[in-house]
Amino acid sequence: MLMAHPAVLRNLVEQYEMLLVLRDGAADPDAARRLEDVTYTLCVSTGTREADAALAAARAQLAAVAPPPGAPLLSGA
């Protein structure tokens, strides 16, 4: 299975969480429509069919590629 770039997944998760708050906070039809679009893209990017599964898969993929806390971003040569 192809995997989305971590930066793409991170962006999709951030957008999803932001749009979820916007949708729940105010009756904004644009936010609801954008949330549907982001949810679909997140599902396609993770090979899932539901938002909860997509978020779990995205977070697992991001955790697998993230450096451990406190680790330097670049190793010295």
PDB file of N, CA and C in Angstrom:
ATOM      1  N   MET A   1       0.844  -1.183   0.000  1.00  0.00           N
ATOM      2  CA  MET A   1       0.000   0.000   0.000  1.00  0.00           C
ATOM      3  C   MET A   1       0.888   1.243   0.000  1.00  0.00           C
ATOM      4  N   LEU A   2       0.514   2.202  -0.796  1.00  0.00           N
ATOM      5  CA  LEU A   2       1.208   3.478  -0.792  1.00  0.00           C
ATOM      6  C   LEU A   2       0.897   4.221   0.493  1.00  0.00           C
ATOM      7  N   MET A   3       1.882   4.966   0.979  1.00  0.00           N
ATOM      8  CA  MET A   3       1.669   5.745   2.198  1.00  0.00           C
ATOM      9  C   MET A   3       1.878   7.217   1.885  1.00  0.00           C
ATOM     10  N   ALA A   4       1.021   8.034   2.444  1.00  0.00           N
ATOM     11  CA  ALA A   4       1.134   9.478   2.254  1.00  0.00           C
ATOM     12  C   ALA A   4       2.369   9.992   2.990  1.00  0.00           C
ATOM     13  N   HIS A   5       2.936  11.048   2.500  1.00  0.00           N
ATOM     14  CA  HIS A   5       4.073  11.693   3.150  1.00  0.00           C
ATOM     15  C   HIS A   5       3.628  12.167   4.533  1.00  0.00           C
ATOM     16  N   PRO A   6       4.486  12.032   5.543  1.00  0.00           N
ATOM     17  CA  PRO A   6       4.115  12.461   6.897  1.00  0.00           C
ATOM     18  C   PRO A   6       3.629  13.907   6.979  1.00  0.00           C
ATOM     19  N   ALA A   7       4.220  14.796   6.198  1.00  0.00           N
ATOM     20  CA  ALA A   7       3.783  16.196   6.229  1.00  0.00           C
ATOM     21  C   ALA A   7       2.347  16.328   5.728  1.00  0.00           C
ATOM     22  N   VAL A   8       1.994  15.535   4.726  1.00  0.00           N
ATOM     23  CA  VAL A   8       0.630  15.557   4.188  1.00  0.00           C
ATOM     24  C   VAL A   8      -0.344  15.031   5.242  1.00  0.00           C
ATOM     25  N   LEU A   9       0.007  13.898   5.862  1.00  0.00           N
ATOM     26  CA  LEU A   9      -0.862  13.340   6.901  1.00  0.00           C
ATOM     27  C   LEU A   9      -1.029  14.309   8.062  1.00  0.00           C
ATOM     28  N   ARG A  10       0.071  14.890   8.507  1.00  0.00           N
ATOM     29  CA  ARG A  10       0.020  15.835   9.629  1.00  0.00           C
ATOM     30  C   ARG A  10      -0.914  16.999   9.293  1.00  0.00           C
ATOM     31  N   ASN A  11      -0.794  17.511   8.071  1.00  0.00           N
ATOM     32  CA  ASN A  11      -1.645  18.616   7.636  1.00  0.00           C
ATOM     33  C   ASN A  11      -3.109  18.209   7.600  1.00  0.00           C
ATOM     34  N   LEU A  12      -3.392  17.017   7.097  1.00  0.00           N
ATOM     35  CA  LEU A  12      -4.777  16.550   7.032  1.00  0.00           C
ATOM     36  C   LEU A  12      -5.378  16.379   8.427  1.00  0.00           C
ATOM     37  N   VAL A  13      -4.594  15.807   9.347  1.00  0.00           N
ATOM     38  CA  VAL A  13      -5.087  15.631  10.722  1.00  0.00           C
ATOM     39  C   VAL A  13      -5.350  16.994  11.356  1.00  0.00           C
ATOM     40  N   GLU A  14      -4.441  17.943  11.171  1.00  0.00           N
ATOM     41  CA  GLU A  14      -4.635  19.283  11.730  1.00  0.00           C
ATOM     42  C   GLU A  14      -5.872  19.951  11.146  1.00  0.00           C
ATOM     43  N   GLN A  15      -6.042  19.844   9.828  1.00  0.00           N
ATOM     44  CA  GLN A  15      -7.227  20.431   9.190  1.00  0.00           C
ATOM     45  C   GLN A  15      -8.501  19.778   9.715  1.00  0.00           C
ATOM     46  N   TYR A  16      -8.478  18.451   9.818  1.00  0.00           N
ATOM     47  CA  TYR A  16      -9.648  17.726  10.298  1.00  0.00           C
ATOM     48  C   TYR A  16     -10.044  18.210  11.691  1.00  0.00           C
ATOM     49  N   GLU A  17      -9.068  18.282  12.584  1.00  0.00           N
ATOM     50  CA  GLU A  17      -9.364  18.694  13.956  1.00  0.00           C
ATOM     51  C   GLU A  17      -9.877  20.134  14.015  1.00  0.00           C
ATOM     52  N   MET A  18      -9.282  21.022  13.228  1.00  0.00           N
ATOM     53  CA  MET A  18      -9.723  22.418  13.204  1.00  0.00           C
ATOM     54  C   MET A  18     -11.144  22.531  12.645  1.00  0.00           C
ATOM     55  N   LEU A  19     -11.417  21.831  11.550  1.00  0.00           N
ATOM     56  CA  LEU A  19     -12.735  21.905  10.926  1.00  0.00           C
ATOM     57  C   LEU A  19     -13.809  21.260  11.793  1.00  0.00           C
ATOM     58  N   LEU A  20     -13.445  20.245  12.533  1.00  0.00           N
ATOM     59  CA  LEU A  20     -14.392  19.617  13.449  1.00  0.00           C
ATOM     60  C   LEU A  20     -14.836  20.616  14.514  1.00  0.00           C
ATOM     61  N   VAL A  21     -13.896  21.378  15.040  1.00  0.00           N
ATOM     62  CA  VAL A  21     -14.221  22.406  16.033  1.00  0.00           C
ATOM     63  C   VAL A  21     -15.087  23.490  15.402  1.00  0.00           C
ATOM     64  N   LEU A  22     -14.724  23.931  14.202  1.00  0.00           N
ATOM     65  CA  LEU A  22     -15.508  24.970  13.525  1.00  0.00           C
ATOM     66  C   LEU A  22     -16.922  24.498  13.237  1.00  0.00           C
ATOM     67  N   ARG A  23     -17.047  23.265  12.786  1.00  0.00           N
ATOM     68  CA  ARG A  23     -18.373  22.731  12.468  1.00  0.00           C
ATOM     69  C   ARG A  23     -19.235  22.618  13.709  1.00  0.00           C
ATOM     70  N   ASP A  24     -18.632  22.171  14.813  1.00  0.00           N
ATOM     71  CA  ASP A  24     -19.390  21.990  16.043  1.00  0.00           C
ATOM     72  C   ASP A  24     -19.663  23.314  16.755  1.00  0.00           C
ATOM     73  N   GLY A  25     -18.792  24.303  16.550  1.00  0.00           N
ATOM     74  CA  GLY A  25     -18.937  25.575  17.241  1.00  0.00           C
ATOM     75  C   GLY A  25     -19.965  26.498  16.628  1.00  0.00           C
ATOM     76  N   ALA A  26     -20.172  26.407  15.341  1.00  0.00           N
ATOM     77  CA  ALA A  26     -21.120  27.285  14.656  1.00  0.00           C
ATOM     78  C   ALA A  26     -21.702  26.524  13.467  1.00  0.00           C
ATOM     79  N   ALA A  27     -22.880  26.865  13.132  1.00  0.00           N
ATOM     80  CA  ALA A  27     -23.532  26.212  11.997  1.00  0.00           C
ATOM     81  C   ALA A  27     -22.977  26.797  10.706  1.00  0.00           C
ATOM     82  N   ASP A  28     -21.770  26.409  10.369  1.00  0.00           N
ATOM     83  CA  ASP A  28     -21.091  26.921   9.183  1.00  0.00           C
ATOM     84  C   ASP A  28     -21.123  25.846   8.095  1.00  0.00           C
ATOM     85  N   PRO A  29     -21.959  26.011   7.087  1.00  0.00           N
ATOM     86  CA  PRO A  29     -22.049  24.991   6.046  1.00  0.00           C
ATOM     87  C   PRO A  29     -20.735  24.812   5.280  1.00  0.00           C
ATOM     88  N   ASP A  30     -19.955  25.878   5.139  1.00  0.00           N
ATOM     89  CA  ASP A  30     -18.669  25.753   4.455  1.00  0.00           C
ATOM     90  C   ASP A  30     -17.720  24.865   5.247  1.00  0.00           C
ATOM     91  N   ALA A  31     -17.696  25.022   6.563  1.00  0.00           N
ATOM     92  CA  ALA A  31     -16.835  24.190   7.407  1.00  0.00           C
ATOM     93  C   ALA A  31     -17.263  22.734   7.322  1.00  0.00           C
ATOM     94  N   ALA A  32     -18.551  22.484   7.314  1.00  0.00           N
ATOM     95  CA  ALA A  32     -19.057  21.116   7.215  1.00  0.00           C
ATOM     96  C   ALA A  32     -18.662  20.490   5.879  1.00  0.00           C
ATOM     97  N   ARG A  33     -18.753  21.249   4.807  1.00  0.00           N
ATOM     98  CA  ARG A  33     -18.386  20.744   3.481  1.00  0.00           C
ATOM     99  C   ARG A  33     -16.889  20.486   3.399  1.00  0.00           C
ATOM    100  N   ARG A  34     -16.090  21.413   3.922  1.00  0.00           N
ATOM    101  CA  ARG A  34     -14.635  21.228   3.922  1.00  0.00           C
ATOM    102  C   ARG A  34     -14.246  20.035   4.791  1.00  0.00           C
ATOM    103  N   LEU A  35     -14.964  19.840   5.906  1.00  0.00           N
ATOM    104  CA  LEU A  35     -14.696  18.697   6.768  1.00  0.00           C
ATOM    105  C   LEU A  35     -14.953  17.392   6.007  1.00  0.00           C
ATOM    106  N   GLU A  36     -16.021  17.343   5.243  1.00  0.00           N
ATOM    107  CA  GLU A  36     -16.303  16.151   4.433  1.00  0.00           C
ATOM    108  C   GLU A  36     -15.176  15.888   3.441  1.00  0.00           C
ATOM    109  N   ASP A  37     -14.688  16.949   2.805  1.00  0.00           N
ATOM    110  CA  ASP A  37     -13.604  16.808   1.835  1.00  0.00           C
ATOM    111  C   ASP A  37     -12.319  16.307   2.495  1.00  0.00           C
ATOM    112  N   VAL A  38     -11.970  16.901   3.625  1.00  0.00           N
ATOM    113  CA  VAL A  38     -10.751  16.507   4.340  1.00  0.00           C
ATOM    114  C   VAL A  38     -10.887  15.076   4.861  1.00  0.00           C
ATOM    115  N   THR A  39     -12.063  14.735   5.356  1.00  0.00           N
ATOM    116  CA  THR A  39     -12.295  13.368   5.843  1.00  0.00           C
ATOM    117  C   THR A  39     -12.108  12.365   4.715  1.00  0.00           C
ATOM    118  N   TYR A  40     -12.663  12.668   3.562  1.00  0.00           N
ATOM    119  CA  TYR A  40     -12.511  11.777   2.404  1.00  0.00           C
ATOM    120  C   TYR A  40     -11.032  11.621   2.043  1.00  0.00           C
ATOM    121  N   THR A  41     -10.320  12.727   1.973  1.00  0.00           N
ATOM    122  CA  THR A  41      -8.901  12.685   1.610  1.00  0.00           C
ATOM    123  C   THR A  41      -8.091  11.927   2.651  1.00  0.00           C
ATOM    124  N   LEU A  42      -8.406  12.122   3.917  1.00  0.00           N
ATOM    125  CA  LEU A  42      -7.725  11.406   4.990  1.00  0.00           C
ATOM    126  C   LEU A  42      -7.986   9.907   4.872  1.00  0.00           C
ATOM    127  N   CYS A  43      -9.215   9.531   4.570  1.00  0.00           N
ATOM    128  CA  CYS A  43      -9.547   8.110   4.398  1.00  0.00           C
ATOM    129  C   CYS A  43      -8.793   7.514   3.212  1.00  0.00           C
ATOM    130  N   VAL A  44      -8.783   8.209   2.090  1.00  0.00           N
ATOM    131  CA  VAL A  44      -8.070   7.717   0.915  1.00  0.00           C
ATOM    132  C   VAL A  44      -6.578   7.611   1.213  1.00  0.00           C
ATOM    133  N   SER A  45      -6.028   8.588   1.910  1.00  0.00           N
ATOM    134  CA  SER A  45      -4.596   8.613   2.211  1.00  0.00           C
ATOM    135  C   SER A  45      -4.164   7.505   3.156  1.00  0.00           C
ATOM    136  N   THR A  46      -5.096   6.995   3.941  1.00  0.00           N
ATOM    137  CA  THR A  46      -4.756   5.960   4.913  1.00  0.00           C
ATOM    138  C   THR A  46      -5.334   4.600   4.548  1.00  0.00           C
ATOM    139  N   GLY A  47      -6.081   4.522   3.458  1.00  0.00           N
ATOM    140  CA  GLY A  47      -6.668   3.248   3.030  1.00  0.00           C
ATOM    141  C   GLY A  47      -7.787   2.773   3.931  1.00  0.00           C
ATOM    142  N   THR A  48      -8.529   3.713   4.503  1.00  0.00           N
ATOM    143  CA  THR A  48      -9.634   3.385   5.402  1.00  0.00           C
ATOM    144  C   THR A  48     -10.934   3.931   4.837  1.00  0.00           C
ATOM    145  N   ARG A  49     -12.037   3.634   5.550  1.00  0.00           N
ATOM    146  CA  ARG A  49     -13.346   4.082   5.066  1.00  0.00           C
ATOM    147  C   ARG A  49     -14.102   4.945   6.059  1.00  0.00           C
ATOM    148  N   GLU A  50     -13.593   5.068   7.276  1.00  0.00           N
ATOM    149  CA  GLU A  50     -14.269   5.860   8.300  1.00  0.00           C
ATOM    150  C   GLU A  50     -13.288   6.826   8.942  1.00  0.00           C
ATOM    151  N   ALA A  51     -13.797   7.962   9.389  1.00  0.00           N
ATOM    152  CA  ALA A  51     -12.946   9.014   9.942  1.00  0.00           C
ATOM    153  C   ALA A  51     -12.149   8.536  11.143  1.00  0.00           C
ATOM    154  N   ASP A  52     -12.782   7.816  12.067  1.00  0.00           N
ATOM    155  CA  ASP A  52     -12.062   7.354  13.257  1.00  0.00           C
ATOM    156  C   ASP A  52     -10.908   6.431  12.883  1.00  0.00           C
ATOM    157  N   ALA A  53     -11.150   5.527  11.952  1.00  0.00           N
ATOM    158  CA  ALA A  53     -10.103   4.619  11.508  1.00  0.00           C
ATOM    159  C   ALA A  53      -9.001   5.377  10.779  1.00  0.00           C
ATOM    160  N   ALA A  54      -9.380   6.365   9.996  1.00  0.00           N
ATOM    161  CA  ALA A  54      -8.396   7.171   9.266  1.00  0.00           C
ATOM    162  C   ALA A  54      -7.509   7.947  10.230  1.00  0.00           C
ATOM    163  N   LEU A  55      -8.117   8.543  11.248  1.00  0.00           N
ATOM    164  CA  LEU A  55      -7.320   9.277  12.239  1.00  0.00           C
ATOM    165  C   LEU A  55      -6.368   8.348  12.982  1.00  0.00           C
ATOM    166  N   ALA A  56      -6.851   7.187  13.373  1.00  0.00           N
ATOM    167  CA  ALA A  56      -6.004   6.228  14.080  1.00  0.00           C
ATOM    168  C   ALA A  56      -4.844   5.785  13.193  1.00  0.00           C
ATOM    169  N   ALA A  57      -5.134   5.498  11.930  1.00  0.00           N
ATOM    170  CA  ALA A  57      -4.083   5.069  11.004  1.00  0.00           C
ATOM    171  C   ALA A  57      -3.074   6.191  10.754  1.00  0.00           C
ATOM    172  N   ALA A  58      -3.568   7.407  10.570  1.00  0.00           N
ATOM    173  CA  ALA A  58      -2.671   8.541  10.340  1.00  0.00           C
ATOM    174  C   ALA A  58      -1.781   8.774  11.548  1.00  0.00           C
ATOM    175  N   ARG A  59      -2.356   8.730  12.738  1.00  0.00           N
ATOM    176  CA  ARG A  59      -1.565   8.951  13.952  1.00  0.00           C
ATOM    177  C   ARG A  59      -0.537   7.835  14.139  1.00  0.00           C
ATOM    178  N   ALA A  60      -0.905   6.609  13.812  1.00  0.00           N
ATOM    179  CA  ALA A  60       0.043   5.498  13.927  1.00  0.00           C
ATOM    180  C   ALA A  60       1.194   5.667  12.933  1.00  0.00           C
ATOM    181  N   GLN A  61       0.871   6.067  11.716  1.00  0.00           N
ATOM    182  CA  GLN A  61       1.919   6.290  10.717  1.00  0.00           C
ATOM    183  C   GLN A  61       2.825   7.433  11.124  1.00  0.00           C
ATOM    184  N   LEU A  62       2.247   8.503  11.665  1.00  0.00           N
ATOM    185  CA  LEU A  62       3.053   9.644  12.101  1.00  0.00           C
ATOM    186  C   LEU A  62       3.937   9.267  13.278  1.00  0.00           C
ATOM    187  N   ALA A  63       3.413   8.474  14.194  1.00  0.00           N
ATOM    188  CA  ALA A  63       4.208   8.047  15.351  1.00  0.00           C
ATOM    189  C   ALA A  63       5.368   7.164  14.913  1.00  0.00           C
ATOM    190  N   ALA A  64       5.159   6.382  13.870  1.00  0.00           N
ATOM    191  CA  ALA A  64       6.205   5.480  13.394  1.00  0.00           C
ATOM    192  C   ALA A  64       7.369   6.221  12.745  1.00  0.00           C
ATOM    193  N   VAL A  65       7.128   7.418  12.224  1.00  0.00           N
ATOM    194  CA  VAL A  65       8.195   8.163  11.549  1.00  0.00           C
ATOM    195  C   VAL A  65       8.709   9.336  12.365  1.00  0.00           C
ATOM    196  N   ALA A  66       8.050   9.632  13.479  1.00  0.00           N
ATOM    197  CA  ALA A  66       8.461  10.777  14.292  1.00  0.00           C
ATOM    198  C   ALA A  66       9.693  10.417  15.104  1.00  0.00           C
ATOM    199  N   PRO A  67      10.625  11.365  15.227  1.00  0.00           N
ATOM    200  CA  PRO A  67      11.778  11.106  16.081  1.00  0.00           C
ATOM    201  C   PRO A  67      11.349  11.061  17.544  1.00  0.00           C
ATOM    202  N   PRO A  68      12.067  10.319  18.376  1.00  0.00           N
ATOM    203  CA  PRO A  68      11.713  10.290  19.790  1.00  0.00           C
ATOM    204  C   PRO A  68      11.818  11.664  20.407  1.00  0.00           C
ATOM    205  N   PRO A  69      11.024  11.962  21.444  1.00  0.00           N
ATOM    206  CA  PRO A  69      11.098  13.277  22.096  1.00  0.00           C
ATOM    207  C   PRO A  69      12.513  13.588  22.554  1.00  0.00           C
ATOM    208  N   GLY A  70      12.953  14.795  22.279  1.00  0.00           N
ATOM    209  CA  GLY A  70      14.275  15.247  22.705  1.00  0.00           C
ATOM    210  C   GLY A  70      15.393  14.868  21.759  1.00  0.00           C
ATOM    211  N   ALA A  71      15.083  14.081  20.721  1.00  0.00           N
ATOM    212  CA  ALA A  71      16.116  13.693  19.774  1.00  0.00           C
ATOM    213  C   ALA A  71      16.431  14.865  18.842  1.00  0.00           C
ATOM    214  N   PRO A  72      17.707  15.029  18.497  1.00  0.00           N
ATOM    215  CA  PRO A  72      18.050  16.112  17.545  1.00  0.00           C
ATOM    216  C   PRO A  72      17.439  15.834  16.178  1.00  0.00           C
ATOM    217  N   LEU A  73      17.058  16.882  15.480  1.00  0.00           N
ATOM    218  CA  LEU A  73      16.457  16.717  14.164  1.00  0.00           C
ATOM    219  C   LEU A  73      17.461  16.212  13.148  1.00  0.00           C
ATOM    220  N   LEU A  74      18.694  16.676  13.248  1.00  0.00           N
ATOM    221  CA  LEU A  74      19.741  16.232  12.330  1.00  0.00           C
ATOM    222  C   LEU A  74      20.891  15.668  13.153  1.00  0.00           C
ATOM    223  N   SER A  75      21.434  14.559  12.713  1.00  0.00           N
ATOM    224  CA  SER A  75      22.568  13.988  13.432  1.00  0.00           C
ATOM    225  C   SER A  75      23.848  14.643  12.946  1.00  0.00           C
ATOM    226  N   GLY A  76      24.763  14.864  13.842  1.00  0.00           N
ATOM    227  CA  GLY A  76      26.043  15.464  13.490  1.00  0.00           C
ATOM    228  C   GLY A  76      26.945  14.455  12.810  1.00  0.00           C
ATOM    229  N   ALA A  77      27.731  14.918  11.862  1.00  0.00           N
ATOM    230  CA  ALA A  77      28.605  14.006  11.137  1.00  0.00           C
ATOM    231  C   ALA A  77      30.033  14.188  11.547  1.00  0.00           C
TER     232      ALA A  77
END
